[in-house]
Amino acid sequence: MKVLITGGTGYLGQALTRHLLQLPDFDAEATQVRIYSRGEATQARMASEIRDERVRYLVGDVRDRNRLERAMEGC
């Protein structure tokens, strides 16, 4: 399962990420949480707090349709 969280570095995005990573069904190698947000600095800060290989950080804006569609591939 792959999940995309837009605005993922915000309070709700971080809480949802932590919750998903704790789910028992979220252990397989094919699982991934994609954090999609505009801020590289906030992504770096989140990555230092949530150190998990299942989390992938993508910089982009939801107004950029092409970038958002690429981020959604496989989700």
Protein backbone atom coordinates (compact mmCIF):
# COMPACT_ATOMS: atom_id res chain seq x y z
CA MET A 1 0.00 0.00 0.00
CA LYS A 2 1.23 3.48 -0.83
CA VAL A 3 -0.29 6.58 0.74
CA LEU A 4 0.23 10.19 -0.33
CA ILE A 5 -0.26 12.89 2.30
CA THR A 6 -0.44 16.41 0.90
CA GLY A 7 0.65 19.04 3.39
CA GLY A 8 2.33 16.15 5.13
CA THR A 9 4.70 18.21 7.25
CA GLY A 10 1.86 19.96 9.09
CA TYR A 11 0.48 18.86 12.44
CA LEU A 12 -2.20 16.56 11.00
CA GLY A 13 0.11 15.15 8.34
CA GLN A 14 2.73 14.21 10.91
CA ALA A 15 0.14 12.65 13.21
CA LEU A 16 -1.34 10.64 10.32
CA THR A 17 2.14 9.49 9.27
CA ARG A 18 2.96 8.26 12.78
CA HIS A 19 -0.40 6.48 12.97
CA LEU A 20 0.03 4.74 9.60
CA LEU A 21 3.54 3.56 10.48
CA GLN A 22 2.19 1.89 13.63
CA LEU A 23 -0.50 -0.12 11.83
CA PRO A 24 0.24 -3.86 11.80
CA ASP A 25 -0.69 -4.17 8.10
CA PHE A 26 1.82 -1.46 7.21
CA ASP A 27 4.91 -3.64 7.65
CA ALA A 28 5.46 -5.02 4.15
CA GLU A 29 8.32 -3.76 2.01
CA ALA A 30 5.91 -2.46 -0.64
CA THR A 31 4.31 -0.01 1.80
CA GLN A 32 5.19 3.64 1.67
CA VAL A 33 4.03 6.97 3.05
CA ARG A 34 4.74 9.85 0.69
CA ILE A 35 4.94 13.26 2.28
CA TYR A 36 4.15 15.98 -0.25
CA SER A 37 4.73 19.58 0.76
CA ARG A 38 6.38 22.79 -0.38
CA GLY A 39 8.89 23.24 2.44
CA GLU A 40 12.26 21.53 2.17
CA ALA A 41 13.25 22.73 5.64
CA THR A 42 10.10 21.35 7.26
CA GLN A 43 10.61 18.06 5.43
CA ALA A 44 14.19 17.84 6.71
CA ARG A 45 13.00 18.54 10.24
CA MET A 46 10.28 15.89 9.96
CA ALA A 47 12.75 13.39 8.50
CA SER A 48 15.02 13.89 11.50
CA GLU A 49 12.09 13.19 13.85
CA ILE A 50 10.52 10.30 11.92
CA ARG A 51 13.34 8.07 10.81
CA ASP A 52 11.69 5.34 8.83
CA GLU A 53 12.61 3.90 5.45
CA ARG A 54 8.93 3.63 4.53
CA VAL A 55 8.59 7.43 4.44
CA ARG A 56 9.50 9.30 1.27
CA TYR A 57 9.59 13.09 1.05
CA LEU A 58 8.53 14.92 -2.11
CA VAL A 59 8.77 18.66 -2.60
CA GLY A 60 5.91 20.15 -4.58
CA ASP A 61 2.83 22.32 -4.59
CA VAL A 62 -0.71 20.97 -5.00
CA ARG A 63 -1.27 23.69 -7.60
CA ASP A 64 1.35 22.02 -9.83
CA ARG A 65 -0.85 19.38 -11.43
CA ASN A 66 1.93 17.50 -13.27
CA ARG A 67 4.13 17.22 -10.17
CA LEU A 68 1.16 16.15 -8.05
CA GLU A 69 0.16 13.47 -10.58
CA ARG A 70 3.73 12.10 -10.54
CA ALA A 71 3.66 12.03 -6.73
CA MET A 72 0.36 10.11 -6.82
CA GLU A 73 1.61 7.33 -9.12
CA GLY A 74 1.00 3.97 -7.50
CA CYS A 75 -1.05 5.36 -4.63
